Amino acid sequence: MKKIIGTILTGSIVCMLSVAPALAANNDPGIDQREVNQQNRINQGVQSGQLTPKETGKLDAQQARIQQREDRMAAKNGGNLTAKDKAKLTRQQNRASKNIYKKKHNDKTANVGK
């Protein structure tokens, strides 16, 4: 179990490090900060045992998809996001935030430190 948690934490750290260069290309600090906050919430859920490895994988994948969409949107406009793009990303992050909350507060837990 410790190996699984270690793998998840390592994966989350790698994901955060891979997001950092992409964030630099974005012109909206609000969206960038939201991505960092979401990832921190996921990591906190892993550390506290509120998220199982399966839940963590799904949430990380959702964040990665949002980041890919953001990168594609910015690439279409010379590295900038349009107001429509920002609104779309905000809706996607709102959905992701609800998923994080639901998964952290359901009856499934990981056996951390046991």
PDB file of N, CA and C in Angstrom:
ATOM      1  N   MET A   1       0.821  -1.190   0.000  1.00  0.00           N
ATOM      2  CA  MET A   1       0.000   0.000   0.000  1.00  0.00           C
ATOM      3  C   MET A   1       0.869   1.259   0.000  1.00  0.00           C
ATOM      4  N   LYS A   2       1.972   1.221   0.779  1.00  0.00           N
ATOM      5  CA  LYS A   2       2.861   2.380   0.812  1.00  0.00           C
ATOM      6  C   LYS A   2       3.454   2.635  -0.564  1.00  0.00           C
ATOM      7  N   LYS A   3       3.715   1.553  -1.291  1.00  0.00           N
ATOM      8  CA  LYS A   3       4.270   1.691  -2.637  1.00  0.00           C
ATOM      9  C   LYS A   3       3.269   2.384  -3.560  1.00  0.00           C
ATOM     10  N   ILE A   4       2.003   2.037  -3.423  1.00  0.00           N
ATOM     11  CA  ILE A   4       0.954   2.653  -4.251  1.00  0.00           C
ATOM     12  C   ILE A   4       0.851   4.141  -3.933  1.00  0.00           C
ATOM     13  N   ILE A   5       0.823   4.488  -2.658  1.00  0.00           N
ATOM     14  CA  ILE A   5       0.732   5.894  -2.262  1.00  0.00           C
ATOM     15  C   ILE A   5       1.953   6.660  -2.760  1.00  0.00           C
ATOM     16  N   GLY A   6       3.121   6.040  -2.625  1.00  0.00           N
ATOM     17  CA  GLY A   6       4.349   6.673  -3.118  1.00  0.00           C
ATOM     18  C   GLY A   6       4.295   6.921  -4.603  1.00  0.00           C
ATOM     19  N   THR A   7       3.778   5.948  -5.341  1.00  0.00           N
ATOM     20  CA  THR A   7       3.646   6.081  -6.790  1.00  0.00           C
ATOM     21  C   THR A   7       2.681   7.211  -7.143  1.00  0.00           C
ATOM     22  N   ILE A   8       1.587   7.281  -6.430  1.00  0.00           N
ATOM     23  CA  ILE A   8       0.598   8.334  -6.692  1.00  0.00           C
ATOM     24  C   ILE A   8       1.194   9.705  -6.396  1.00  0.00           C
ATOM     25  N   LEU A   9       1.879   9.831  -5.262  1.00  0.00           N
ATOM     26  CA  LEU A   9       2.491  11.118  -4.924  1.00  0.00           C
ATOM     27  C   LEU A   9       3.540  11.513  -5.951  1.00  0.00           C
ATOM     28  N   THR A  10       4.326  10.542  -6.376  1.00  0.00           N
ATOM     29  CA  THR A  10       5.335  10.816  -7.399  1.00  0.00           C
ATOM     30  C   THR A  10       4.661  11.258  -8.693  1.00  0.00           C
ATOM     31  N   GLY A  11       3.598  10.576  -9.069  1.00  0.00           N
ATOM     32  CA  GLY A  11       2.865  10.948 -10.276  1.00  0.00           C
ATOM     33  C   GLY A  11       2.278  12.337 -10.187  1.00  0.00           C
ATOM     34  N   SER A  12       1.765  12.678  -9.023  1.00  0.00           N
ATOM     35  CA  SER A  12       1.196  14.012  -8.838  1.00  0.00           C
ATOM     36  C   SER A  12       2.267  15.088  -8.935  1.00  0.00           C
ATOM     37  N   ILE A  13       3.425  14.810  -8.364  1.00  0.00           N
ATOM     38  CA  ILE A  13       4.528  15.778  -8.424  1.00  0.00           C
ATOM     39  C   ILE A  13       4.991  15.955  -9.860  1.00  0.00           C
ATOM     40  N   VAL A  14       5.122  14.849 -10.585  1.00  0.00           N
ATOM     41  CA  VAL A  14       5.524  14.922 -11.991  1.00  0.00           C
ATOM     42  C   VAL A  14       4.500  15.712 -12.787  1.00  0.00           C
ATOM     43  N   CYS A  15       3.218  15.478 -12.494  1.00  0.00           N
ATOM     44  CA  CYS A  15       2.149  16.203 -13.188  1.00  0.00           C
ATOM     45  C   CYS A  15       2.260  17.703 -12.919  1.00  0.00           C
ATOM     46  N   MET A  16       2.513  18.065 -11.666  1.00  0.00           N
ATOM     47  CA  MET A  16       2.638  19.485 -11.330  1.00  0.00           C
ATOM     48  C   MET A  16       3.839  20.106 -12.030  1.00  0.00           C
ATOM     49  N   LEU A  17       4.949  19.371 -12.094  1.00  0.00           N
ATOM     50  CA  LEU A  17       6.139  19.899 -12.751  1.00  0.00           C
ATOM     51  C   LEU A  17       5.935  20.033 -14.256  1.00  0.00           C
ATOM     52  N   SER A  18       5.158  19.127 -14.833  1.00  0.00           N
ATOM     53  CA  SER A  18       4.914  19.213 -16.268  1.00  0.00           C
ATOM     54  C   SER A  18       3.935  20.330 -16.606  1.00  0.00           C
ATOM     55  N   VAL A  19       3.109  20.712 -15.651  1.00  0.00           N
ATOM     56  CA  VAL A  19       2.152  21.796 -15.858  1.00  0.00           C
ATOM     57  C   VAL A  19       2.851  23.154 -15.810  1.00  0.00           C
ATOM     58  N   ALA A  20       3.895  23.276 -15.011  1.00  0.00           N
ATOM     59  CA  ALA A  20       4.555  24.569 -14.814  1.00  0.00           C
ATOM     60  C   ALA A  20       4.994  25.249 -16.110  1.00  0.00           C
ATOM     61  N   PRO A  21       5.691  24.560 -17.042  1.00  0.00           N
ATOM     62  CA  PRO A  21       6.079  25.246 -18.278  1.00  0.00           C
ATOM     63  C   PRO A  21       4.871  25.683 -19.107  1.00  0.00           C
ATOM     64  N   ALA A  22       3.831  24.876 -19.101  1.00  0.00           N
ATOM     65  CA  ALA A  22       2.644  25.232 -19.864  1.00  0.00           C
ATOM     66  C   ALA A  22       1.959  26.455 -19.259  1.00  0.00           C
ATOM     67  N   LEU A  23       2.026  26.582 -17.953  1.00  0.00           N
ATOM     68  CA  LEU A  23       1.398  27.728 -17.299  1.00  0.00           C
ATOM     69  C   LEU A  23       2.079  29.025 -17.699  1.00  0.00           C
ATOM     70  N   ALA A  24       3.364  28.966 -17.952  1.00  0.00           N
ATOM     71  CA  ALA A  24       4.097  30.169 -18.321  1.00  0.00           C
ATOM     72  C   ALA A  24       3.613  30.737 -19.651  1.00  0.00           C
ATOM     73  N   ALA A  25       3.102  29.880 -20.542  1.00  0.00           N
ATOM     74  CA  ALA A  25       2.633  30.323 -21.850  1.00  0.00           C
ATOM     75  C   ALA A  25       1.247  30.969 -21.769  1.00  0.00           C
ATOM     76  N   ASN A  26       0.521  30.687 -20.728  1.00  0.00           N
ATOM     77  CA  ASN A  26      -0.833  31.187 -20.568  1.00  0.00           C
ATOM     78  C   ASN A  26      -0.793  32.634 -20.099  1.00  0.00           C
ATOM     79  N   ASN A  27      -1.780  33.400 -20.500  1.00  0.00           N
ATOM     80  CA  ASN A  27      -1.797  34.813 -20.116  1.00  0.00           C
ATOM     81  C   ASN A  27      -2.807  35.120 -19.026  1.00  0.00           C
ATOM     82  N   ASP A  28      -3.342  34.122 -18.358  1.00  0.00           N
ATOM     83  CA  ASP A  28      -4.344  34.364 -17.327  1.00  0.00           C
ATOM     84  C   ASP A  28      -3.903  33.768 -15.996  1.00  0.00           C
ATOM     85  N   PRO A  29      -3.425  34.611 -15.081  1.00  0.00           N
ATOM     86  CA  PRO A  29      -2.963  34.087 -13.801  1.00  0.00           C
ATOM     87  C   PRO A  29      -4.078  33.450 -12.969  1.00  0.00           C
ATOM     88  N   GLY A  30      -5.307  33.855 -13.170  1.00  0.00           N
ATOM     89  CA  GLY A  30      -6.427  33.267 -12.435  1.00  0.00           C
ATOM     90  C   GLY A  30      -6.625  31.807 -12.792  1.00  0.00           C
ATOM     91  N   ILE A  31      -6.553  31.487 -14.056  1.00  0.00           N
ATOM     92  CA  ILE A  31      -6.695  30.102 -14.511  1.00  0.00           C
ATOM     93  C   ILE A  31      -5.507  29.286 -14.029  1.00  0.00           C
ATOM     94  N   ASP A  32      -4.322  29.862 -14.111  1.00  0.00           N
ATOM     95  CA  ASP A  32      -3.116  29.170 -13.658  1.00  0.00           C
ATOM     96  C   ASP A  32      -3.209  28.830 -12.173  1.00  0.00           C
ATOM     97  N   GLN A  33      -3.633  29.789 -11.379  1.00  0.00           N
ATOM     98  CA  GLN A  33      -3.730  29.559  -9.938  1.00  0.00           C
ATOM     99  C   GLN A  33      -4.795  28.519  -9.622  1.00  0.00           C
ATOM    100  N   ARG A  34      -5.863  28.531 -10.378  1.00  0.00           N
ATOM    101  CA  ARG A  34      -6.930  27.549 -10.166  1.00  0.00           C
ATOM    102  C   ARG A  34      -6.405  26.139 -10.388  1.00  0.00           C
ATOM    103  N   GLU A  35      -5.580  25.960 -11.421  1.00  0.00           N
ATOM    104  CA  GLU A  35      -5.002  24.645 -11.703  1.00  0.00           C
ATOM    105  C   GLU A  35      -4.105  24.191 -10.554  1.00  0.00           C
ATOM    106  N   VAL A  36      -3.308  25.100 -10.043  1.00  0.00           N
ATOM    107  CA  VAL A  36      -2.419  24.769  -8.928  1.00  0.00           C
ATOM    108  C   VAL A  36      -3.250  24.411  -7.687  1.00  0.00           C
ATOM    109  N   ASN A  37      -4.293  25.182  -7.417  1.00  0.00           N
ATOM    110  CA  ASN A  37      -5.149  24.904  -6.256  1.00  0.00           C
ATOM    111  C   ASN A  37      -5.817  23.543  -6.361  1.00  0.00           C
ATOM    112  N   GLN A  38      -6.307  23.207  -7.560  1.00  0.00           N
ATOM    113  CA  GLN A  38      -6.966  21.909  -7.745  1.00  0.00           C
ATOM    114  C   GLN A  38      -5.973  20.778  -7.474  1.00  0.00           C
ATOM    115  N   GLN A  39      -4.761  20.911  -8.009  1.00  0.00           N
ATOM    116  CA  GLN A  39      -3.766  19.863  -7.818  1.00  0.00           C
ATOM    117  C   GLN A  39      -3.394  19.742  -6.340  1.00  0.00           C
ATOM    118  N   ASN A  40      -3.311  20.870  -5.640  1.00  0.00           N
ATOM    119  CA  ASN A  40      -3.017  20.831  -4.206  1.00  0.00           C
ATOM    120  C   ASN A  40      -4.126  20.125  -3.431  1.00  0.00           C
ATOM    121  N   ARG A  41      -5.371  20.346  -3.820  1.00  0.00           N
ATOM    122  CA  ARG A  41      -6.497  19.669  -3.164  1.00  0.00           C
ATOM    123  C   ARG A  41      -6.430  18.174  -3.384  1.00  0.00           C
ATOM    124  N   ILE A  42      -6.058  17.762  -4.592  1.00  0.00           N
ATOM    125  CA  ILE A  42      -5.922  16.335  -4.883  1.00  0.00           C
ATOM    126  C   ILE A  42      -4.797  15.743  -4.033  1.00  0.00           C
ATOM    127  N   ASN A  43      -3.661  16.418  -3.996  1.00  0.00           N
ATOM    128  CA  ASN A  43      -2.523  15.921  -3.210  1.00  0.00           C
ATOM    129  C   ASN A  43      -2.871  15.822  -1.726  1.00  0.00           C
ATOM    130  N   GLN A  44      -3.609  16.791  -1.216  1.00  0.00           N
ATOM    131  CA  GLN A  44      -4.015  16.767   0.188  1.00  0.00           C
ATOM    132  C   GLN A  44      -4.926  15.570   0.446  1.00  0.00           C
ATOM    133  N   GLY A  45      -5.803  15.277  -0.501  1.00  0.00           N
ATOM    134  CA  GLY A  45      -6.697  14.126  -0.364  1.00  0.00           C
ATOM    135  C   GLY A  45      -5.939  12.815  -0.353  1.00  0.00           C
ATOM    136  N   VAL A  46      -4.872  12.734  -1.122  1.00  0.00           N
ATOM    137  CA  VAL A  46      -4.035  11.527  -1.136  1.00  0.00           C
ATOM    138  C   VAL A  46      -3.346  11.380   0.217  1.00  0.00           C
ATOM    139  N   GLN A  47      -2.755  12.468   0.691  1.00  0.00           N
ATOM    140  CA  GLN A  47      -2.008  12.414   1.946  1.00  0.00           C
ATOM    141  C   GLN A  47      -2.904  12.082   3.138  1.00  0.00           C
ATOM    142  N   SER A  48      -4.120  12.566   3.122  1.00  0.00           N
ATOM    143  CA  SER A  48      -5.026  12.317   4.247  1.00  0.00           C
ATOM    144  C   SER A  48      -5.728  10.967   4.135  1.00  0.00           C
ATOM    145  N   GLY A  49      -5.646  10.334   2.974  1.00  0.00           N
ATOM    146  CA  GLY A  49      -6.320   9.058   2.782  1.00  0.00           C
ATOM    147  C   GLY A  49      -7.758   9.202   2.315  1.00  0.00           C
ATOM    148  N   GLN A  50      -8.195  10.428   2.051  1.00  0.00           N
ATOM    149  CA  GLN A  50      -9.567  10.647   1.589  1.00  0.00           C
ATOM    150  C   GLN A  50      -9.764  10.168   0.162  1.00  0.00           C
ATOM    151  N   LEU A  51      -8.689  10.088  -0.614  1.00  0.00           N
ATOM    152  CA  LEU A  51      -8.777   9.646  -2.006  1.00  0.00           C
ATOM    153  C   LEU A  51      -8.085   8.301  -2.168  1.00  0.00           C
ATOM    154  N   THR A  52      -8.766   7.401  -2.849  1.00  0.00           N
ATOM    155  CA  THR A  52      -8.156   6.116  -3.178  1.00  0.00           C
ATOM    156  C   THR A  52      -7.249   6.310  -4.393  1.00  0.00           C
ATOM    157  N   PRO A  53      -6.376   5.356  -4.652  1.00  0.00           N
ATOM    158  CA  PRO A  53      -5.527   5.468  -5.851  1.00  0.00           C
ATOM    159  C   PRO A  53      -6.340   5.593  -7.141  1.00  0.00           C
ATOM    160  N   LYS A  54      -7.435   4.863  -7.229  1.00  0.00           N
ATOM    161  CA  LYS A  54      -8.280   4.933  -8.430  1.00  0.00           C
ATOM    162  C   LYS A  54      -8.899   6.322  -8.584  1.00  0.00           C
ATOM    163  N   GLU A  55      -9.419   6.874  -7.493  1.00  0.00           N
ATOM    164  CA  GLU A  55     -10.010   8.216  -7.534  1.00  0.00           C
ATOM    165  C   GLU A  55      -8.954   9.252  -7.915  1.00  0.00           C
ATOM    166  N   THR A  56      -7.769   9.109  -7.341  1.00  0.00           N
ATOM    167  CA  THR A  56      -6.683  10.041  -7.628  1.00  0.00           C
ATOM    168  C   THR A  56      -6.315  10.006  -9.106  1.00  0.00           C
ATOM    169  N   GLY A  57      -6.234   8.817  -9.659  1.00  0.00           N
ATOM    170  CA  GLY A  57      -5.911   8.670 -11.078  1.00  0.00           C
ATOM    171  C   GLY A  57      -6.933   9.363 -11.966  1.00  0.00           C
ATOM    172  N   LYS A  58      -8.205   9.191 -11.621  1.00  0.00           N
ATOM    173  CA  LYS A  58      -9.260   9.825 -12.416  1.00  0.00           C
ATOM    174  C   LYS A  58      -9.198  11.353 -12.316  1.00  0.00           C
ATOM    175  N   LEU A  59      -8.963  11.857 -11.113  1.00  0.00           N
ATOM    176  CA  LEU A  59      -8.893  13.311 -10.935  1.00  0.00           C
ATOM    177  C   LEU A  59      -7.666  13.898 -11.633  1.00  0.00           C
ATOM    178  N   ASP A  60      -6.536  13.203 -11.525  1.00  0.00           N
ATOM    179  CA  ASP A  60      -5.326  13.665 -12.217  1.00  0.00           C
ATOM    180  C   ASP A  60      -5.529  13.664 -13.731  1.00  0.00           C
ATOM    181  N   ALA A  61      -6.186  12.631 -14.238  1.00  0.00           N
ATOM    182  CA  ALA A  61      -6.446  12.554 -15.678  1.00  0.00           C
ATOM    183  C   ALA A  61      -7.363  13.697 -16.121  1.00  0.00           C
ATOM    184  N   GLN A  62      -8.357  14.019 -15.301  1.00  0.00           N
ATOM    185  CA  GLN A  62      -9.259  15.120 -15.631  1.00  0.00           C
ATOM    186  C   GLN A  62      -8.487  16.438 -15.683  1.00  0.00           C
ATOM    187  N   GLN A  63      -7.596  16.666 -14.725  1.00  0.00           N
ATOM    188  CA  GLN A  63      -6.786  17.883 -14.728  1.00  0.00           C
ATOM    189  C   GLN A  63      -5.872  17.933 -15.950  1.00  0.00           C
ATOM    190  N   ALA A  64      -5.318  16.788 -16.314  1.00  0.00           N
ATOM    191  CA  ALA A  64      -4.437  16.734 -17.490  1.00  0.00           C
ATOM    192  C   ALA A  64      -5.216  17.067 -18.764  1.00  0.00           C
ATOM    193  N   ARG A  65      -6.444  16.565 -18.877  1.00  0.00           N
ATOM    194  CA  ARG A  65      -7.276  16.870 -20.056  1.00  0.00           C
ATOM    195  C   ARG A  65      -7.587  18.363 -20.136  1.00  0.00           C
ATOM    196  N   ILE A  66      -7.885  18.970 -19.003  1.00  0.00           N
ATOM    197  CA  ILE A  66      -8.169  20.405 -18.988  1.00  0.00           C
ATOM    198  C   ILE A  66      -6.922  21.172 -19.430  1.00  0.00           C
ATOM    199  N   GLN A  67      -5.763  20.766 -18.942  1.00  0.00           N
ATOM    200  CA  GLN A  67      -4.514  21.434 -19.317  1.00  0.00           C
ATOM    201  C   GLN A  67      -4.244  21.289 -20.815  1.00  0.00           C
ATOM    202  N   GLN A  68      -4.510  20.113 -21.367  1.00  0.00           N
ATOM    203  CA  GLN A  68      -4.319  19.902 -22.804  1.00  0.00           C
ATOM    204  C   GLN A  68      -5.250  20.799 -23.608  1.00  0.00           C
ATOM    205  N   ARG A  69      -6.492  20.905 -23.165  1.00  0.00           N
ATOM    206  CA  ARG A  69      -7.441  21.793 -23.855  1.00  0.00           C
ATOM    207  C   ARG A  69      -6.961  23.239 -23.802  1.00  0.00           C
ATOM    208  N   GLU A  70      -6.480  23.647 -22.651  1.00  0.00           N
ATOM    209  CA  GLU A  70      -5.983  25.014 -22.507  1.00  0.00           C
ATOM    210  C   GLU A  70      -4.809  25.261 -23.455  1.00  0.00           C
ATOM    211  N   ASP A  71      -3.902  24.303 -23.522  1.00  0.00           N
ATOM    212  CA  ASP A  71      -2.748  24.440 -24.413  1.00  0.00           C
ATOM    213  C   ASP A  71      -3.183  24.566 -25.868  1.00  0.00           C
ATOM    214  N   ARG A  72      -4.156  23.735 -26.272  1.00  0.00           N
ATOM    215  CA  ARG A  72      -4.652  23.803 -27.657  1.00  0.00           C
ATOM    216  C   ARG A  72      -5.330  25.138 -27.929  1.00  0.00           C
ATOM    217  N   MET A  73      -6.128  25.604 -26.971  1.00  0.00           N
ATOM    218  CA  MET A  73      -6.825  26.885 -27.145  1.00  0.00           C
ATOM    219  C   MET A  73      -5.821  28.022 -27.297  1.00  0.00           C
ATOM    220  N   ALA A  74      -4.806  28.025 -26.451  1.00  0.00           N
ATOM    221  CA  ALA A  74      -3.797  29.088 -26.501  1.00  0.00           C
ATOM    222  C   ALA A  74      -2.995  29.014 -27.795  1.00  0.00           C
ATOM    223  N   ALA A  75      -2.704  27.820 -28.265  1.00  0.00           N
ATOM    224  CA  ALA A  75      -1.919  27.657 -29.496  1.00  0.00           C
ATOM    225  C   ALA A  75      -2.655  28.241 -30.701  1.00  0.00           C
ATOM    226  N   LYS A  76      -3.970  28.174 -30.686  1.00  0.00           N
ATOM    227  CA  LYS A  76      -4.763  28.710 -31.796  1.00  0.00           C
ATOM    228  C   LYS A  76      -4.697  30.229 -31.877  1.00  0.00           C
ATOM    229  N   ASN A  77      -4.399  30.866 -30.753  1.00  0.00           N
ATOM    230  CA  ASN A  77      -4.439  32.331 -30.691  1.00  0.00           C
ATOM    231  C   ASN A  77      -3.089  32.927 -30.321  1.00  0.00           C
ATOM    232  N   GLY A  78      -2.040  32.331 -30.782  1.00  0.00           N
ATOM    233  CA  GLY A  78      -0.711  32.874 -30.529  1.00  0.00           C
ATOM    234  C   GLY A  78      -0.305  32.901 -29.065  1.00  0.00           C
ATOM    235  N   GLY A  79      -0.748  31.925 -28.296  1.00  0.00           N
ATOM    236  CA  GLY A  79      -0.381  31.848 -26.887  1.00  0.00           C
ATOM    237  C   GLY A  79      -1.334  32.563 -25.953  1.00  0.00           C
ATOM    238  N   ASN A  80      -2.379  33.162 -26.493  1.00  0.00           N
ATOM    239  CA  ASN A  80      -3.350  33.884 -25.664  1.00  0.00           C
ATOM    240  C   ASN A  80      -4.683  33.154 -25.660  1.00  0.00           C
ATOM    241  N   LEU A  81      -5.427  33.341 -24.579  1.00  0.00           N
ATOM    242  CA  LEU A  81      -6.763  32.769 -24.471  1.00  0.00           C
ATOM    243  C   LEU A  81      -7.805  33.855 -24.715  1.00  0.00           C
ATOM    244  N   THR A  82      -8.836  33.510 -25.465  1.00  0.00           N
ATOM    245  CA  THR A  82      -9.936  34.439 -25.678  1.00  0.00           C
ATOM    246  C   THR A  82     -10.855  34.404 -24.458  1.00  0.00           C
ATOM    247  N   ALA A  83     -11.755  35.354 -24.364  1.00  0.00           N
ATOM    248  CA  ALA A  83     -12.719  35.381 -23.261  1.00  0.00           C
ATOM    249  C   ALA A  83     -13.580  34.116 -23.290  1.00  0.00           C
ATOM    250  N   LYS A  84     -13.929  33.667 -24.481  1.00  0.00           N
ATOM    251  CA  LYS A  84     -14.732  32.446 -24.623  1.00  0.00           C
ATOM    252  C   LYS A  84     -13.944  31.238 -24.116  1.00  0.00           C
ATOM    253  N   ASP A  85     -12.652  31.181 -24.443  1.00  0.00           N
ATOM    254  CA  ASP A  85     -11.800  30.085 -23.977  1.00  0.00           C
ATOM    255  C   ASP A  85     -11.705  30.083 -22.452  1.00  0.00           C
ATOM    256  N   LYS A  86     -11.525  31.267 -21.873  1.00  0.00           N
ATOM    257  CA  LYS A  86     -11.411  31.384 -20.416  1.00  0.00           C
ATOM    258  C   LYS A  86     -12.693  30.922 -19.737  1.00  0.00           C
ATOM    259  N   ALA A  87     -13.834  31.282 -20.312  1.00  0.00           N
ATOM    260  CA  ALA A  87     -15.117  30.871 -19.745  1.00  0.00           C
ATOM    261  C   ALA A  87     -15.273  29.350 -19.806  1.00  0.00           C
ATOM    262  N   LYS A  88     -14.866  28.769 -20.917  1.00  0.00           N
ATOM    263  CA  LYS A  88     -14.941  27.317 -21.083  1.00  0.00           C
ATOM    264  C   LYS A  88     -14.048  26.607 -20.063  1.00  0.00           C
ATOM    265  N   LEU A  89     -12.824  27.109 -19.904  1.00  0.00           N
ATOM    266  CA  LEU A  89     -11.900  26.507 -18.943  1.00  0.00           C
ATOM    267  C   LEU A  89     -12.412  26.655 -17.512  1.00  0.00           C
ATOM    268  N   THR A  90     -13.026  27.779 -17.221  1.00  0.00           N
ATOM    269  CA  THR A  90     -13.587  27.986 -15.887  1.00  0.00           C
ATOM    270  C   THR A  90     -14.696  26.987 -15.605  1.00  0.00           C
ATOM    271  N   ARG A  91     -15.565  26.758 -16.588  1.00  0.00           N
ATOM    272  CA  ARG A  91     -16.636  25.764 -16.420  1.00  0.00           C
ATOM    273  C   ARG A  91     -16.052  24.369 -16.194  1.00  0.00           C
ATOM    274  N   GLN A  92     -15.005  24.036 -16.957  1.00  0.00           N
ATOM    275  CA  GLN A  92     -14.376  22.724 -16.803  1.00  0.00           C
ATOM    276  C   GLN A  92     -13.727  22.584 -15.428  1.00  0.00           C
ATOM    277  N   GLN A  93     -13.093  23.647 -14.950  1.00  0.00           N
ATOM    278  CA  GLN A  93     -12.478  23.593 -13.623  1.00  0.00           C
ATOM    279  C   GLN A  93     -13.549  23.549 -12.527  1.00  0.00           C
ATOM    280  N   ASN A  94     -14.689  24.200 -12.746  1.00  0.00           N
ATOM    281  CA  ASN A  94     -15.792  24.109 -11.781  1.00  0.00           C
ATOM    282  C   ASN A  94     -16.276  22.669 -11.669  1.00  0.00           C
ATOM    283  N   ARG A  95     -16.415  22.008 -12.815  1.00  0.00           N
ATOM    284  CA  ARG A  95     -16.829  20.606 -12.832  1.00  0.00           C
ATOM    285  C   ARG A  95     -15.791  19.740 -12.112  1.00  0.00           C
ATOM    286  N   ALA A  96     -14.517  20.002 -12.384  1.00  0.00           N
ATOM    287  CA  ALA A  96     -13.441  19.238 -11.750  1.00  0.00           C
ATOM    288  C   ALA A  96     -13.444  19.470 -10.241  1.00  0.00           C
ATOM    289  N   SER A  97     -13.704  20.700  -9.828  1.00  0.00           N
ATOM    290  CA  SER A  97     -13.740  21.013  -8.404  1.00  0.00           C
ATOM    291  C   SER A  97     -14.844  20.215  -7.700  1.00  0.00           C
ATOM    292  N   LYS A  98     -15.996  20.129  -8.333  1.00  0.00           N
ATOM    293  CA  LYS A  98     -17.098  19.339  -7.766  1.00  0.00           C
ATOM    294  C   LYS A  98     -16.713  17.868  -7.668  1.00  0.00           C
ATOM    295  N   ASN A  99     -16.019  17.370  -8.683  1.00  0.00           N
ATOM    296  CA  ASN A  99     -15.578  15.968  -8.654  1.00  0.00           C
ATOM    297  C   ASN A  99     -14.586  15.731  -7.516  1.00  0.00           C
ATOM    298  N   ILE A 100     -13.666  16.665  -7.314  1.00  0.00           N
ATOM    299  CA  ILE A 100     -12.698  16.530  -6.221  1.00  0.00           C
ATOM    300  C   ILE A 100     -13.442  16.481  -4.887  1.00  0.00           C
ATOM    301  N   TYR A 101     -14.384  17.383  -4.705  1.00  0.00           N
ATOM    302  CA  TYR A 101     -15.147  17.422  -3.456  1.00  0.00           C
ATOM    303  C   TYR A 101     -15.897  16.103  -3.244  1.00  0.00           C
ATOM    304  N   LYS A 102     -16.593  15.645  -4.273  1.00  0.00           N
ATOM    305  CA  LYS A 102     -17.379  14.412  -4.146  1.00  0.00           C
ATOM    306  C   LYS A 102     -16.494  13.221  -3.800  1.00  0.00           C
ATOM    307  N   LYS A 103     -15.359  13.121  -4.463  1.00  0.00           N
ATOM    308  CA  LYS A 103     -14.481  11.980  -4.226  1.00  0.00           C
ATOM    309  C   LYS A 103     -13.790  12.056  -2.867  1.00  0.00           C
ATOM    310  N   LYS A 104     -13.499  13.262  -2.395  1.00  0.00           N
ATOM    311  CA  LYS A 104     -12.869  13.399  -1.079  1.00  0.00           C
ATOM    312  C   LYS A 104     -13.866  13.136   0.050  1.00  0.00           C
ATOM    313  N   HIS A 105     -15.154  13.325  -0.213  1.00  0.00           N
ATOM    314  CA  HIS A 105     -16.149  13.213   0.845  1.00  0.00           C
ATOM    315  C   HIS A 105     -17.064  11.994   0.685  1.00  0.00           C
ATOM    316  N   ASN A 106     -16.665  11.048  -0.156  1.00  0.00           N
ATOM    317  CA  ASN A 106     -17.479   9.827  -0.243  1.00  0.00           C
ATOM    318  C   ASN A 106     -17.004   8.839   0.822  1.00  0.00           C
ATOM    319  N   ASP A 107     -17.568   7.644   0.823  1.00  0.00           N
ATOM    320  CA  ASP A 107     -17.235   6.681   1.882  1.00  0.00           C
ATOM    321  C   ASP A 107     -15.994   5.840   1.577  1.00  0.00           C
ATOM    322  N   LYS A 108     -15.335   6.101   0.463  1.00  0.00           N
ATOM    323  CA  LYS A 108     -14.131   5.357   0.097  1.00  0.00           C
ATOM    324  C   LYS A 108     -12.905   6.069   0.651  1.00  0.00           C
ATOM    325  N   THR A 109     -12.014   5.296   1.257  1.00  0.00           N
ATOM    326  CA  THR A 109     -10.777   5.863   1.783  1.00  0.00           C
ATOM    327  C   THR A 109      -9.613   4.932   1.474  1.00  0.00           C
ATOM    328  N   ALA A 110      -8.426   5.506   1.427  1.00  0.00           N
ATOM    329  CA  ALA A 110      -7.211   4.716   1.255  1.00  0.00           C
ATOM    330  C   ALA A 110      -6.625   4.465   2.638  1.00  0.00           C
ATOM    331  N   ASN A 111      -5.998   3.335   2.809  1.00  0.00           N
ATOM    332  CA  ASN A 111      -5.363   3.011   4.075  1.00  0.00           C
ATOM    333  C   ASN A 111      -3.971   3.609   4.133  1.00  0.00           C
ATOM    334  N   VAL A 112      -3.893   4.858   4.520  1.00  0.00           N
ATOM    335  CA  VAL A 112      -2.613   5.569   4.569  1.00  0.00           C
ATOM    336  C   VAL A 112      -1.939   5.280   5.903  1.00  0.00           C
ATOM    337  N   GLY A 113      -0.683   4.862   5.828  1.00  0.00           N
ATOM    338  CA  GLY A 113       0.111   4.641   7.035  1.00  0.00           C
ATOM    339  C   GLY A 113      -0.297   3.422   7.835  1.00  0.00           C
ATOM    340  N   LYS A 114      -1.065   2.528   7.260  1.00  0.00           N
ATOM    341  CA  LYS A 114      -1.497   1.324   8.000  1.00  0.00           C
ATOM    342  C   LYS A 114      -0.852   0.096   7.428  1.00  0.00           C
TER     343      LYS A 114
END
